[in-house]
């Protein structure tokens, strides 16, 4: 990016990834389509079409596409570690923590990515 905008030479690449994503989506190859749209998003983070289509593909595949580093950050948060510890001792203790939407979202991410299980 130059001065907060996409570089001129990246425009054709973004368009190419958008076309590739659309083609793969038509073929019902949603995971691959999501990868193409994600590549377009990386090249042009302001591209609304890439963001919207990526989200649609993810919703259809159920694949949250969460960055492994993000999962590690969540797991390393002291609050989350405490909740997991409490949950192991008393599974129902999780309910009080799920009242906080931020905690609920983080726990959902961990659950969807197989990092925790709820007995």
PDB file of N, CA and C in Angstrom:
ATOM      1  N   UNK A   1       0.833  -1.174   0.000  1.00  0.00           N
ATOM      2  CA  UNK A   1       0.000   0.000   0.000  1.00  0.00           C
ATOM      3  C   UNK A   1       0.879   1.238   0.000  1.00  0.00           C
ATOM      4  N   UNK A   2       0.398   2.260  -0.663  1.00  0.00           N
ATOM      5  CA  UNK A   2       1.095   3.526  -0.720  1.00  0.00           C
ATOM      6  C   UNK A   2       0.148   4.589  -0.181  1.00  0.00           C
ATOM      7  N   UNK A   3       0.610   5.325   0.864  1.00  0.00           N
ATOM      8  CA  UNK A   3      -0.218   6.366   1.465  1.00  0.00           C
ATOM      9  C   UNK A   3      -1.620   5.875   1.832  1.00  0.00           C
ATOM     10  N   UNK A   4      -1.737   4.666   2.341  1.00  0.00           N
ATOM     11  CA  UNK A   4      -3.019   4.148   2.785  1.00  0.00           C
ATOM     12  C   UNK A   4      -3.919   3.636   1.667  1.00  0.00           C
ATOM     13  N   UNK A   5      -3.459   3.650   0.422  1.00  0.00           N
ATOM     14  CA  UNK A   5      -4.279   3.157  -0.677  1.00  0.00           C
ATOM     15  C   UNK A   5      -3.571   1.982  -1.344  1.00  0.00           C
ATOM     16  N   UNK A   6      -4.317   1.262  -2.126  1.00  0.00           N
ATOM     17  CA  UNK A   6      -3.763   0.084  -2.787  1.00  0.00           C
ATOM     18  C   UNK A   6      -2.800   0.514  -3.895  1.00  0.00           C
ATOM     19  N   UNK A   7      -1.718  -0.228  -4.065  1.00  0.00           N
ATOM     20  CA  UNK A   7      -0.757   0.059  -5.118  1.00  0.00           C
ATOM     21  C   UNK A   7      -1.399  -0.242  -6.471  1.00  0.00           C
ATOM     22  N   UNK A   8      -1.051   0.548  -7.466  1.00  0.00           N
ATOM     23  CA  UNK A   8      -1.619   0.385  -8.802  1.00  0.00           C
ATOM     24  C   UNK A   8      -1.408  -1.023  -9.359  1.00  0.00           C
ATOM     25  N   UNK A   9      -0.223  -1.600  -9.129  1.00  0.00           N
ATOM     26  CA  UNK A   9       0.053  -2.920  -9.685  1.00  0.00           C
ATOM     27  C   UNK A   9      -0.725  -4.034  -8.985  1.00  0.00           C
ATOM     28  N   UNK A  10      -1.315  -3.750  -7.829  1.00  0.00           N
ATOM     29  CA  UNK A  10      -2.091  -4.768  -7.119  1.00  0.00           C
ATOM     30  C   UNK A  10      -3.540  -4.827  -7.600  1.00  0.00           C
ATOM     31  N   UNK A  11      -4.028  -3.782  -8.272  1.00  0.00           N
ATOM     32  CA  UNK A  11      -5.421  -3.740  -8.722  1.00  0.00           C
ATOM     33  C   UNK A  11      -5.769  -4.939  -9.609  1.00  0.00           C
ATOM     34  N   UNK A  12      -4.961  -5.241 -10.637  1.00  0.00           N
ATOM     35  CA  UNK A  12      -5.293  -6.418 -11.460  1.00  0.00           C
ATOM     36  C   UNK A  12      -5.291  -7.717 -10.655  1.00  0.00           C
ATOM     37  N   UNK A  13      -4.383  -7.826  -9.690  1.00  0.00           N
ATOM     38  CA  UNK A  13      -4.343  -9.030  -8.864  1.00  0.00           C
ATOM     39  C   UNK A  13      -5.622  -9.159  -8.038  1.00  0.00           C
ATOM     40  N   UNK A  14      -6.080  -8.068  -7.456  1.00  0.00           N
ATOM     41  CA  UNK A  14      -7.308  -8.093  -6.666  1.00  0.00           C
ATOM     42  C   UNK A  14      -8.472  -8.527  -7.540  1.00  0.00           C
ATOM     43  N   UNK A  15      -8.584  -7.930  -8.721  1.00  0.00           N
ATOM     44  CA  UNK A  15      -9.664  -8.300  -9.646  1.00  0.00           C
ATOM     45  C   UNK A  15      -9.577  -9.777 -10.019  1.00  0.00           C
ATOM     46  N   UNK A  16      -8.355 -10.248 -10.220  1.00  0.00           N
ATOM     47  CA  UNK A  16      -8.171 -11.660 -10.557  1.00  0.00           C
ATOM     48  C   UNK A  16      -8.627 -12.581  -9.440  1.00  0.00           C
ATOM     49  N   UNK A  17      -8.291 -12.233  -8.200  1.00  0.00           N
ATOM     50  CA  UNK A  17      -8.722 -13.058  -7.071  1.00  0.00           C
ATOM     51  C   UNK A  17     -10.239 -12.994  -6.876  1.00  0.00           C
ATOM     52  N   UNK A  18     -10.841 -11.836  -7.150  1.00  0.00           N
ATOM     53  CA  UNK A  18     -12.298 -11.728  -7.064  1.00  0.00           C
ATOM     54  C   UNK A  18     -12.956 -12.627  -8.109  1.00  0.00           C
ATOM     55  N   UNK A  19     -12.416 -12.634  -9.313  1.00  0.00           N
ATOM     56  CA  UNK A  19     -12.953 -13.494 -10.385  1.00  0.00           C
ATOM     57  C   UNK A  19     -12.757 -14.973 -10.040  1.00  0.00           C
ATOM     58  N   UNK A  20     -11.580 -15.292  -9.528  1.00  0.00           N
ATOM     59  CA  UNK A  20     -11.305 -16.682  -9.145  1.00  0.00           C
ATOM     60  C   UNK A  20     -12.279 -17.119  -8.053  1.00  0.00           C
ATOM     61  N   UNK A  21     -12.482 -16.258  -7.067  1.00  0.00           N
ATOM     62  CA  UNK A  21     -13.417 -16.571  -5.991  1.00  0.00           C
ATOM     63  C   UNK A  21     -14.819 -16.800  -6.513  1.00  0.00           C
ATOM     64  N   UNK A  22     -15.267 -15.932  -7.428  1.00  0.00           N
ATOM     65  CA  UNK A  22     -16.610 -16.068  -7.998  1.00  0.00           C
ATOM     66  C   UNK A  22     -16.744 -17.378  -8.771  1.00  0.00           C
ATOM     67  N   UNK A  23     -15.710 -17.723  -9.541  1.00  0.00           N
ATOM     68  CA  UNK A  23     -15.739 -18.973 -10.315  1.00  0.00           C
ATOM     69  C   UNK A  23     -15.810 -20.186  -9.397  1.00  0.00           C
ATOM     70  N   UNK A  24     -14.977 -20.182  -8.366  1.00  0.00           N
ATOM     71  CA  UNK A  24     -14.969 -21.310  -7.424  1.00  0.00           C
ATOM     72  C   UNK A  24     -16.291 -21.397  -6.661  1.00  0.00           C
ATOM     73  N   UNK A  25     -16.859 -20.259  -6.354  1.00  0.00           N
ATOM     74  CA  UNK A  25     -18.142 -20.234  -5.660  1.00  0.00           C
ATOM     75  C   UNK A  25     -19.230 -20.864  -6.535  1.00  0.00           C
ATOM     76  N   UNK A  26     -19.210 -20.557  -7.836  1.00  0.00           N
ATOM     77  CA  UNK A  26     -20.176 -21.158  -8.764  1.00  0.00           C
ATOM     78  C   UNK A  26     -20.033 -22.676  -8.822  1.00  0.00           C
ATOM     79  N   UNK A  27     -18.807 -23.137  -8.632  1.00  0.00           N
ATOM     80  CA  UNK A  27     -18.545 -24.577  -8.640  1.00  0.00           C
ATOM     81  C   UNK A  27     -18.798 -25.221  -7.273  1.00  0.00           C
ATOM     82  N   UNK A  28     -19.277 -24.404  -6.324  1.00  0.00           N
ATOM     83  CA  UNK A  28     -19.579 -24.856  -4.948  1.00  0.00           C
ATOM     84  C   UNK A  28     -18.324 -25.299  -4.203  1.00  0.00           C
ATOM     85  N   UNK A  29     -17.188 -24.735  -4.564  1.00  0.00           N
ATOM     86  CA  UNK A  29     -15.923 -25.026  -3.885  1.00  0.00           C
ATOM     87  C   UNK A  29     -15.647 -23.858  -2.936  1.00  0.00           C
ATOM     88  N   UNK A  30     -16.452 -23.816  -1.868  1.00  0.00           N
ATOM     89  CA  UNK A  30     -16.488 -22.655  -0.982  1.00  0.00           C
ATOM     90  C   UNK A  30     -15.184 -22.395  -0.235  1.00  0.00           C
ATOM     91  N   UNK A  31     -14.513 -23.428   0.224  1.00  0.00           N
ATOM     92  CA  UNK A  31     -13.255 -23.215   0.948  1.00  0.00           C
ATOM     93  C   UNK A  31     -12.215 -22.565   0.047  1.00  0.00           C
ATOM     94  N   UNK A  32     -12.144 -23.059  -1.191  1.00  0.00           N
ATOM     95  CA  UNK A  32     -11.189 -22.482  -2.138  1.00  0.00           C
ATOM     96  C   UNK A  32     -11.592 -21.059  -2.526  1.00  0.00           C
ATOM     97  N   UNK A  33     -12.902 -20.830  -2.664  1.00  0.00           N
ATOM     98  CA  UNK A  33     -13.395 -19.484  -2.974  1.00  0.00           C
ATOM     99  C   UNK A  33     -13.038 -18.531  -1.836  1.00  0.00           C
ATOM    100  N   UNK A  34     -13.212 -18.993  -0.610  1.00  0.00           N
ATOM    101  CA  UNK A  34     -12.882 -18.166   0.554  1.00  0.00           C
ATOM    102  C   UNK A  34     -11.403 -17.801   0.541  1.00  0.00           C
ATOM    103  N   UNK A  35     -10.551 -18.743   0.164  1.00  0.00           N
ATOM    104  CA  UNK A  35      -9.118 -18.456   0.088  1.00  0.00           C
ATOM    105  C   UNK A  35      -8.838 -17.367  -0.944  1.00  0.00           C
ATOM    106  N   UNK A  36      -9.502 -17.436  -2.091  1.00  0.00           N
ATOM    107  CA  UNK A  36      -9.298 -16.430  -3.138  1.00  0.00           C
ATOM    108  C   UNK A  36      -9.766 -15.053  -2.655  1.00  0.00           C
ATOM    109  N   UNK A  37     -10.935 -15.008  -2.035  1.00  0.00           N
ATOM    110  CA  UNK A  37     -11.437 -13.730  -1.526  1.00  0.00           C
ATOM    111  C   UNK A  37     -10.538 -13.196  -0.408  1.00  0.00           C
ATOM    112  N   UNK A  38     -10.010 -14.094   0.400  1.00  0.00           N
ATOM    113  CA  UNK A  38      -9.108 -13.672   1.471  1.00  0.00           C
ATOM    114  C   UNK A  38      -7.834 -13.060   0.885  1.00  0.00           C
ATOM    115  N   UNK A  39      -7.337 -13.645  -0.184  1.00  0.00           N
ATOM    116  CA  UNK A  39      -6.138 -13.103  -0.846  1.00  0.00           C
ATOM    117  C   UNK A  39      -6.435 -11.701  -1.376  1.00  0.00           C
ATOM    118  N   UNK A  40      -7.629 -11.506  -1.942  1.00  0.00           N
ATOM    119  CA  UNK A  40      -8.022 -10.176  -2.426  1.00  0.00           C
ATOM    120  C   UNK A  40      -8.086  -9.191  -1.258  1.00  0.00           C
ATOM    121  N   UNK A  41      -8.601  -9.651  -0.120  1.00  0.00           N
ATOM    122  CA  UNK A  41      -8.671  -8.792   1.076  1.00  0.00           C
ATOM    123  C   UNK A  41      -7.280  -8.408   1.565  1.00  0.00           C
ATOM    124  N   UNK A  42      -6.343  -9.344   1.492  1.00  0.00           N
ATOM    125  CA  UNK A  42      -4.979  -9.051   1.923  1.00  0.00           C
ATOM    126  C   UNK A  42      -4.339  -7.985   1.039  1.00  0.00           C
ATOM    127  N   UNK A  43      -4.600  -8.070  -0.263  1.00  0.00           N
ATOM    128  CA  UNK A  43      -4.036  -7.099  -1.201  1.00  0.00           C
ATOM    129  C   UNK A  43      -4.717  -5.737  -1.084  1.00  0.00           C
ATOM    130  N   UNK A  44      -6.026  -5.755  -0.799  1.00  0.00           N
ATOM    131  CA  UNK A  44      -6.789  -4.503  -0.683  1.00  0.00           C
ATOM    132  C   UNK A  44      -7.755  -4.622   0.487  1.00  0.00           C
ATOM    133  N   UNK A  45      -7.301  -4.299   1.689  1.00  0.00           N
ATOM    134  CA  UNK A  45      -8.140  -4.424   2.882  1.00  0.00           C
ATOM    135  C   UNK A  45      -9.408  -3.573   2.865  1.00  0.00           C
ATOM    136  N   UNK A  46      -9.498  -2.612   1.945  1.00  0.00           N
ATOM    137  CA  UNK A  46     -10.691  -1.757   1.872  1.00  0.00           C
ATOM    138  C   UNK A  46     -11.734  -2.294   0.892  1.00  0.00           C
ATOM    139  N   UNK A  47     -11.452  -3.407   0.233  1.00  0.00           N
ATOM    140  CA  UNK A  47     -12.344  -3.931  -0.787  1.00  0.00           C
ATOM    141  C   UNK A  47     -13.564  -4.591  -0.145  1.00  0.00           C
ATOM    142  N   UNK A  48     -14.701  -3.923  -0.250  1.00  0.00           N
ATOM    143  CA  UNK A  48     -15.931  -4.406   0.384  1.00  0.00           C
ATOM    144  C   UNK A  48     -16.455  -5.686  -0.266  1.00  0.00           C
ATOM    145  N   UNK A  49     -16.295  -5.816  -1.577  1.00  0.00           N
ATOM    146  CA  UNK A  49     -16.756  -7.023  -2.263  1.00  0.00           C
ATOM    147  C   UNK A  49     -16.006  -8.249  -1.746  1.00  0.00           C
ATOM    148  N   UNK A  50     -14.700  -8.120  -1.608  1.00  0.00           N
ATOM    149  CA  UNK A  50     -13.892  -9.242  -1.118  1.00  0.00           C
ATOM    150  C   UNK A  50     -14.313  -9.630   0.297  1.00  0.00           C
ATOM    151  N   UNK A  51     -14.526  -8.624   1.139  1.00  0.00           N
ATOM    152  CA  UNK A  51     -14.943  -8.893   2.524  1.00  0.00           C
ATOM    153  C   UNK A  51     -16.294  -9.599   2.563  1.00  0.00           C
ATOM    154  N   UNK A  52     -17.265  -9.074   1.811  1.00  0.00           N
ATOM    155  CA  UNK A  52     -18.621  -9.636   1.828  1.00  0.00           C
ATOM    156  C   UNK A  52     -18.645 -11.063   1.287  1.00  0.00           C
ATOM    157  N   UNK A  53     -17.966 -11.281   0.173  1.00  0.00           N
ATOM    158  CA  UNK A  53     -17.961 -12.619  -0.426  1.00  0.00           C
ATOM    159  C   UNK A  53     -17.203 -13.625   0.444  1.00  0.00           C
ATOM    160  N   UNK A  54     -16.117 -13.175   1.058  1.00  0.00           N
ATOM    161  CA  UNK A  54     -15.381 -14.037   1.980  1.00  0.00           C
ATOM    162  C   UNK A  54     -16.308 -14.475   3.115  1.00  0.00           C
ATOM    163  N   UNK A  55     -17.018 -13.510   3.703  1.00  0.00           N
ATOM    164  CA  UNK A  55     -17.930 -13.825   4.808  1.00  0.00           C
ATOM    165  C   UNK A  55     -19.021 -14.802   4.376  1.00  0.00           C
ATOM    166  N   UNK A  56     -19.546 -14.633   3.161  1.00  0.00           N
ATOM    167  CA  UNK A  56     -20.582 -15.547   2.661  1.00  0.00           C
ATOM    168  C   UNK A  56     -20.032 -16.968   2.531  1.00  0.00           C
ATOM    169  N   UNK A  57     -18.822 -17.081   1.985  1.00  0.00           N
ATOM    170  CA  UNK A  57     -18.211 -18.411   1.815  1.00  0.00           C
ATOM    171  C   UNK A  57     -17.974 -19.081   3.165  1.00  0.00           C
ATOM    172  N   UNK A  58     -17.476 -18.313   4.118  1.00  0.00           N
ATOM    173  CA  UNK A  58     -17.208 -18.855   5.449  1.00  0.00           C
ATOM    174  C   UNK A  58     -18.509 -19.302   6.103  1.00  0.00           C
ATOM    175  N   UNK A  59     -19.556 -18.491   5.950  1.00  0.00           N
ATOM    176  CA  UNK A  59     -20.851 -18.846   6.534  1.00  0.00           C
ATOM    177  C   UNK A  59     -21.368 -20.147   5.943  1.00  0.00           C
ATOM    178  N   UNK A  60     -21.131 -20.350   4.659  1.00  0.00           N
ATOM    179  CA  UNK A  60     -21.617 -21.557   4.009  1.00  0.00           C
ATOM    180  C   UNK A  60     -20.791 -22.790   4.362  1.00  0.00           C
ATOM    181  N   UNK A  61     -19.490 -22.612   4.564  1.00  0.00           N
ATOM    182  CA  UNK A  61     -18.650 -23.769   4.880  1.00  0.00           C
ATOM    183  C   UNK A  61     -18.615 -24.060   6.366  1.00  0.00           C
ATOM    184  N   UNK A  62     -18.926 -23.036   7.181  1.00  0.00           N
ATOM    185  CA  UNK A  62     -18.835 -23.200   8.628  1.00  0.00           C
ATOM    186  C   UNK A  62     -17.400 -23.135   9.120  1.00  0.00           C
ATOM    187  N   UNK A  63     -16.482 -22.807   8.233  1.00  0.00           N
ATOM    188  CA  UNK A  63     -15.068 -22.719   8.575  1.00  0.00           C
ATOM    189  C   UNK A  63     -14.755 -21.310   9.046  1.00  0.00           C
ATOM    190  N   UNK A  64     -14.448 -21.122  10.312  1.00  0.00           N
ATOM    191  CA  UNK A  64     -14.243 -19.773  10.811  1.00  0.00           C
ATOM    192  C   UNK A  64     -12.969 -19.082  10.332  1.00  0.00           C
ATOM    193  N   UNK A  65     -12.037 -19.815   9.774  1.00  0.00           N
ATOM    194  CA  UNK A  65     -10.808 -19.227   9.252  1.00  0.00           C
ATOM    195  C   UNK A  65     -10.129 -18.296  10.259  1.00  0.00           C
ATOM    196  N   UNK A  66      -9.997 -18.747  11.464  1.00  0.00           N
ATOM    197  CA  UNK A  66      -9.361 -17.921  12.486  1.00  0.00           C
ATOM    198  C   UNK A  66      -7.855 -18.139  12.424  1.00  0.00           C
ATOM    199  N   UNK A  67      -7.143 -17.051  12.482  1.00  0.00           N
ATOM    200  CA  UNK A  67      -5.687 -17.072  12.474  1.00  0.00           C
ATOM    201  C   UNK A  67      -5.194 -17.852  13.695  1.00  0.00           C
ATOM    202  N   UNK A  68      -4.316 -18.830  13.509  1.00  0.00           N
ATOM    203  CA  UNK A  68      -3.802 -19.597  14.646  1.00  0.00           C
ATOM    204  C   UNK A  68      -3.158 -18.713  15.721  1.00  0.00           C
ATOM    205  N   UNK A  69      -2.552 -17.611  15.302  1.00  0.00           N
ATOM    206  CA  UNK A  69      -1.959 -16.697  16.284  1.00  0.00           C
ATOM    207  C   UNK A  69      -3.035 -16.055  17.153  1.00  0.00           C
ATOM    208  N   UNK A  70      -4.185 -15.783  16.564  1.00  0.00           N
ATOM    209  CA  UNK A  70      -5.301 -15.217  17.328  1.00  0.00           C
ATOM    210  C   UNK A  70      -5.790 -16.221  18.375  1.00  0.00           C
ATOM    211  N   UNK A  71      -5.852 -17.472  17.986  1.00  0.00           N
ATOM    212  CA  UNK A  71      -6.268 -18.512  18.936  1.00  0.00           C
ATOM    213  C   UNK A  71      -5.270 -18.582  20.089  1.00  0.00           C
ATOM    214  N   UNK A  72      -3.982 -18.512  19.772  1.00  0.00           N
ATOM    215  CA  UNK A  72      -2.958 -18.533  20.824  1.00  0.00           C
ATOM    216  C   UNK A  72      -3.072 -17.321  21.741  1.00  0.00           C
ATOM    217  N   UNK A  73      -3.359 -16.161  21.154  1.00  0.00           N
ATOM    218  CA  UNK A  73      -3.539 -14.954  21.974  1.00  0.00           C
ATOM    219  C   UNK A  73      -4.706 -15.132  22.942  1.00  0.00           C
ATOM    220  N   UNK A  74      -5.796 -15.697  22.434  1.00  0.00           N
ATOM    221  CA  UNK A  74      -6.963 -15.928  23.294  1.00  0.00           C
ATOM    222  C   UNK A  74      -6.602 -16.900  24.412  1.00  0.00           C
ATOM    223  N   UNK A  75      -5.946 -17.997  24.046  1.00  0.00           N
ATOM    224  CA  UNK A  75      -5.585 -19.014  25.046  1.00  0.00           C
ATOM    225  C   UNK A  75      -4.617 -18.475  26.097  1.00  0.00           C
ATOM    226  N   UNK A  76      -3.816 -17.494  25.743  1.00  0.00           N
ATOM    227  CA  UNK A  76      -2.830 -16.945  26.679  1.00  0.00           C
ATOM    228  C   UNK A  76      -3.371 -15.824  27.555  1.00  0.00           C
ATOM    229  N   UNK A  77      -4.601 -15.405  27.326  1.00  0.00           N
ATOM    230  CA  UNK A  77      -5.192 -14.355  28.157  1.00  0.00           C
ATOM    231  C   UNK A  77      -5.453 -14.909  29.554  1.00  0.00           C
ATOM    232  N   UNK A  78      -4.994 -14.217  30.580  1.00  0.00           N
ATOM    233  CA  UNK A  78      -5.191 -14.703  31.952  1.00  0.00           C
ATOM    234  C   UNK A  78      -6.665 -14.964  32.294  1.00  0.00           C
ATOM    235  N   UNK A  79      -7.549 -14.087  31.840  1.00  0.00           N
ATOM    236  CA  UNK A  79      -8.983 -14.259  32.126  1.00  0.00           C
ATOM    237  C   UNK A  79      -9.507 -15.557  31.512  1.00  0.00           C
ATOM    238  N   UNK A  80      -9.108 -15.837  30.283  1.00  0.00           N
ATOM    239  CA  UNK A  80      -9.553 -17.060  29.594  1.00  0.00           C
ATOM    240  C   UNK A  80      -8.959 -18.290  30.277  1.00  0.00           C
ATOM    241  N   UNK A  81      -7.693 -18.203  30.666  1.00  0.00           N
ATOM    242  CA  UNK A  81      -7.071 -19.328  31.372  1.00  0.00           C
ATOM    243  C   UNK A  81      -7.814 -19.631  32.672  1.00  0.00           C
ATOM    244  N   UNK A  82      -8.213 -18.590  33.382  1.00  0.00           N
ATOM    245  CA  UNK A  82      -8.957 -18.766  34.633  1.00  0.00           C
ATOM    246  C   UNK A  82     -10.315 -19.414  34.368  1.00  0.00           C
ATOM    247  N   UNK A  83     -10.987 -18.959  33.318  1.00  0.00           N
ATOM    248  CA  UNK A  83     -12.300 -19.516  32.986  1.00  0.00           C
ATOM    249  C   UNK A  83     -12.169 -20.993  32.628  1.00  0.00           C
ATOM    250  N   UNK A  84     -11.158 -21.340  31.848  1.00  0.00           N
ATOM    251  CA  UNK A  84     -10.944 -22.744  31.466  1.00  0.00           C
ATOM    252  C   UNK A  84     -10.664 -23.589  32.706  1.00  0.00           C
ATOM    253  N   UNK A  85      -9.860 -23.051  33.614  1.00  0.00           N
ATOM    254  CA  UNK A  85      -9.556 -23.768  34.860  1.00  0.00           C
ATOM    255  C   UNK A  85     -10.838 -23.993  35.671  1.00  0.00           C
ATOM    256  N   UNK A  86     -11.649 -22.949  35.798  1.00  0.00           N
ATOM    257  CA  UNK A  86     -12.922 -23.073  36.525  1.00  0.00           C
ATOM    258  C   UNK A  86     -13.846 -24.071  35.834  1.00  0.00           C
ATOM    259  N   UNK A  87     -13.860 -24.019  34.524  1.00  0.00           N
ATOM    260  CA  UNK A  87     -14.738 -24.885  33.740  1.00  0.00           C
ATOM    261  C   UNK A  87     -14.394 -26.358  33.939  1.00  0.00           C
ATOM    262  N   UNK A  88     -13.103 -26.645  34.069  1.00  0.00           N
ATOM    263  CA  UNK A  88     -12.683 -28.032  34.297  1.00  0.00           C
ATOM    264  C   UNK A  88     -13.161 -28.528  35.649  1.00  0.00           C
ATOM    265  N   UNK A  89     -13.103 -27.663  36.642  1.00  0.00           N
ATOM    266  CA  UNK A  89     -13.537 -28.041  37.990  1.00  0.00           C
ATOM    267  C   UNK A  89     -15.061 -28.085  38.090  1.00  0.00           C
ATOM    268  N   UNK A  90     -15.714 -27.106  37.483  1.00  0.00           N
ATOM    269  CA  UNK A  90     -17.178 -27.011  37.552  1.00  0.00           C
ATOM    270  C   UNK A  90     -17.705 -26.497  36.211  1.00  0.00           C
ATOM    271  N   UNK A  91     -18.134 -27.401  35.329  1.00  0.00           N
ATOM    272  CA  UNK A  91     -18.567 -27.001  33.986  1.00  0.00           C
ATOM    273  C   UNK A  91     -19.655 -25.918  33.960  1.00  0.00           C
ATOM    274  N   UNK A  92     -20.534 -25.921  34.933  1.00  0.00           N
ATOM    275  CA  UNK A  92     -21.617 -24.934  34.941  1.00  0.00           C
ATOM    276  C   UNK A  92     -21.111 -23.515  35.210  1.00  0.00           C
ATOM    277  N   UNK A  93     -19.892 -23.382  35.690  1.00  0.00           N
ATOM    278  CA  UNK A  93     -19.341 -22.045  35.961  1.00  0.00           C
ATOM    279  C   UNK A  93     -19.194 -21.224  34.680  1.00  0.00           C
ATOM    280  N   UNK A  94     -19.138 -21.914  33.553  1.00  0.00           N
ATOM    281  CA  UNK A  94     -19.009 -21.221  32.273  1.00  0.00           C
ATOM    282  C   UNK A  94     -20.207 -20.308  32.004  1.00  0.00           C
ATOM    283  N   UNK A  95     -21.375 -20.712  32.469  1.00  0.00           N
ATOM    284  CA  UNK A  95     -22.588 -19.945  32.183  1.00  0.00           C
ATOM    285  C   UNK A  95     -22.498 -18.493  32.633  1.00  0.00           C
ATOM    286  N   UNK A  96     -21.932 -18.265  33.809  1.00  0.00           N
ATOM    287  CA  UNK A  96     -21.841 -16.879  34.289  1.00  0.00           C
ATOM    288  C   UNK A  96     -20.905 -16.049  33.415  1.00  0.00           C
ATOM    289  N   UNK A  97     -19.872 -16.662  32.887  1.00  0.00           N
ATOM    290  CA  UNK A  97     -18.909 -15.947  32.046  1.00  0.00           C
ATOM    291  C   UNK A  97     -19.480 -15.636  30.656  1.00  0.00           C
ATOM    292  N   UNK A  98     -20.394 -16.485  30.191  1.00  0.00           N
ATOM    293  CA  UNK A  98     -20.955 -16.286  28.863  1.00  0.00           C
ATOM    294  C   UNK A  98     -21.903 -15.094  28.793  1.00  0.00           C
ATOM    295  N   UNK A  99     -22.197 -14.491  29.928  1.00  0.00           N
ATOM    296  CA  UNK A  99     -23.024 -13.282  29.940  1.00  0.00           C
ATOM    297  C   UNK A  99     -22.274 -12.111  29.310  1.00  0.00           C
ATOM    298  N   UNK A 100     -20.961 -12.157  29.353  1.00  0.00           N
ATOM    299  CA  UNK A 100     -20.119 -11.127  28.746  1.00  0.00           C
ATOM    300  C   UNK A 100     -19.942 -11.490  27.263  1.00  0.00           C
ATOM    301  N   UNK A 101     -20.436 -10.648  26.332  1.00  0.00           N
ATOM    302  CA  UNK A 101     -20.364 -11.001  24.911  1.00  0.00           C
ATOM    303  C   UNK A 101     -18.938 -11.158  24.378  1.00  0.00           C
ATOM    304  N   UNK A 102     -17.986 -10.436  24.938  1.00  0.00           N
ATOM    305  CA  UNK A 102     -16.600 -10.560  24.493  1.00  0.00           C
ATOM    306  C   UNK A 102     -16.055 -11.934  24.871  1.00  0.00           C
ATOM    307  N   UNK A 103     -16.292 -12.318  26.115  1.00  0.00           N
ATOM    308  CA  UNK A 103     -15.853 -13.646  26.579  1.00  0.00           C
ATOM    309  C   UNK A 103     -16.579 -14.737  25.800  1.00  0.00           C
ATOM    310  N   UNK A 104     -17.883 -14.552  25.585  1.00  0.00           N
ATOM    311  CA  UNK A 104     -18.666 -15.550  24.847  1.00  0.00           C
ATOM    312  C   UNK A 104     -18.089 -15.748  23.441  1.00  0.00           C
ATOM    313  N   UNK A 105     -17.716 -14.659  22.779  1.00  0.00           N
ATOM    314  CA  UNK A 105     -17.141 -14.758  21.440  1.00  0.00           C
ATOM    315  C   UNK A 105     -15.812 -15.490  21.435  1.00  0.00           C
ATOM    316  N   UNK A 106     -14.987 -15.195  22.415  1.00  0.00           N
ATOM    317  CA  UNK A 106     -13.683 -15.857  22.501  1.00  0.00           C
ATOM    318  C   UNK A 106     -13.845 -17.342  22.803  1.00  0.00           C
ATOM    319  N   UNK A 107     -14.759 -17.670  23.697  1.00  0.00           N
ATOM    320  CA  UNK A 107     -14.986 -19.079  24.028  1.00  0.00           C
ATOM    321  C   UNK A 107     -15.559 -19.821  22.819  1.00  0.00           C
ATOM    322  N   UNK A 108     -16.433 -19.157  22.055  1.00  0.00           N
ATOM    323  CA  UNK A 108     -16.995 -19.752  20.845  1.00  0.00           C
ATOM    324  C   UNK A 108     -15.891 -20.034  19.834  1.00  0.00           C
ATOM    325  N   UNK A 109     -14.966 -19.102  19.678  1.00  0.00           N
ATOM    326  CA  UNK A 109     -13.838 -19.295  18.764  1.00  0.00           C
ATOM    327  C   UNK A 109     -13.012 -20.505  19.181  1.00  0.00           C
ATOM    328  N   UNK A 110     -12.723 -20.617  20.475  1.00  0.00           N
ATOM    329  CA  UNK A 110     -11.951 -21.761  20.967  1.00  0.00           C
ATOM    330  C   UNK A 110     -12.701 -23.067  20.761  1.00  0.00           C
ATOM    331  N   UNK A 111     -13.996 -23.043  20.997  1.00  0.00           N
ATOM    332  CA  UNK A 111     -14.823 -24.240  20.823  1.00  0.00           C
ATOM    333  C   UNK A 111     -14.856 -24.667  19.354  1.00  0.00           C
ATOM    334  N   UNK A 112     -15.101 -23.714  18.464  1.00  0.00           N
ATOM    335  CA  UNK A 112     -15.182 -24.008  17.027  1.00  0.00           C
ATOM    336  C   UNK A 112     -13.861 -24.519  16.462  1.00  0.00           C
ATOM    337  N   UNK A 113     -12.770 -24.138  17.081  1.00  0.00           N
ATOM    338  CA  UNK A 113     -11.462 -24.555  16.586  1.00  0.00           C
ATOM    339  C   UNK A 113     -10.878 -25.729  17.357  1.00  0.00           C
ATOM    340  N   UNK A 114     -11.704 -26.370  18.176  1.00  0.00           N
ATOM    341  CA  UNK A 114     -11.306 -27.592  18.857  1.00  0.00           C
ATOM    342  C   UNK A 114     -10.342 -27.404  20.004  1.00  0.00           C
ATOM    343  N   UNK A 115     -10.210 -26.188  20.532  1.00  0.00           N
ATOM    344  CA  UNK A 115      -9.269 -25.929  21.615  1.00  0.00           C
ATOM    345  C   UNK A 115      -9.876 -26.206  22.988  1.00  0.00           C
ATOM    346  N   UNK A 116     -11.192 -26.183  23.073  1.00  0.00           N
ATOM    347  CA  UNK A 116     -11.875 -26.536  24.318  1.00  0.00           C
ATOM    348  C   UNK A 116     -13.079 -27.395  23.971  1.00  0.00           C
ATOM    349  N   UNK A 117     -13.511 -28.147  24.949  1.00  0.00           N
ATOM    350  CA  UNK A 117     -14.756 -28.893  24.823  1.00  0.00           C
ATOM    351  C   UNK A 117     -15.608 -28.582  26.031  1.00  0.00           C
ATOM    352  N   UNK A 118     -16.897 -28.665  25.814  1.00  0.00           N
ATOM    353  CA  UNK A 118     -17.810 -28.417  26.923  1.00  0.00           C
ATOM    354  C   UNK A 118     -18.464 -29.742  27.276  1.00  0.00           C
ATOM    355  N   UNK A 119     -18.219 -30.197  28.499  1.00  0.00           N
ATOM    356  CA  UNK A 119     -18.749 -31.511  28.901  1.00  0.00           C
ATOM    357  C   UNK A 119     -20.262 -31.516  29.003  1.00  0.00           C
TER     358      UNK A 119
END
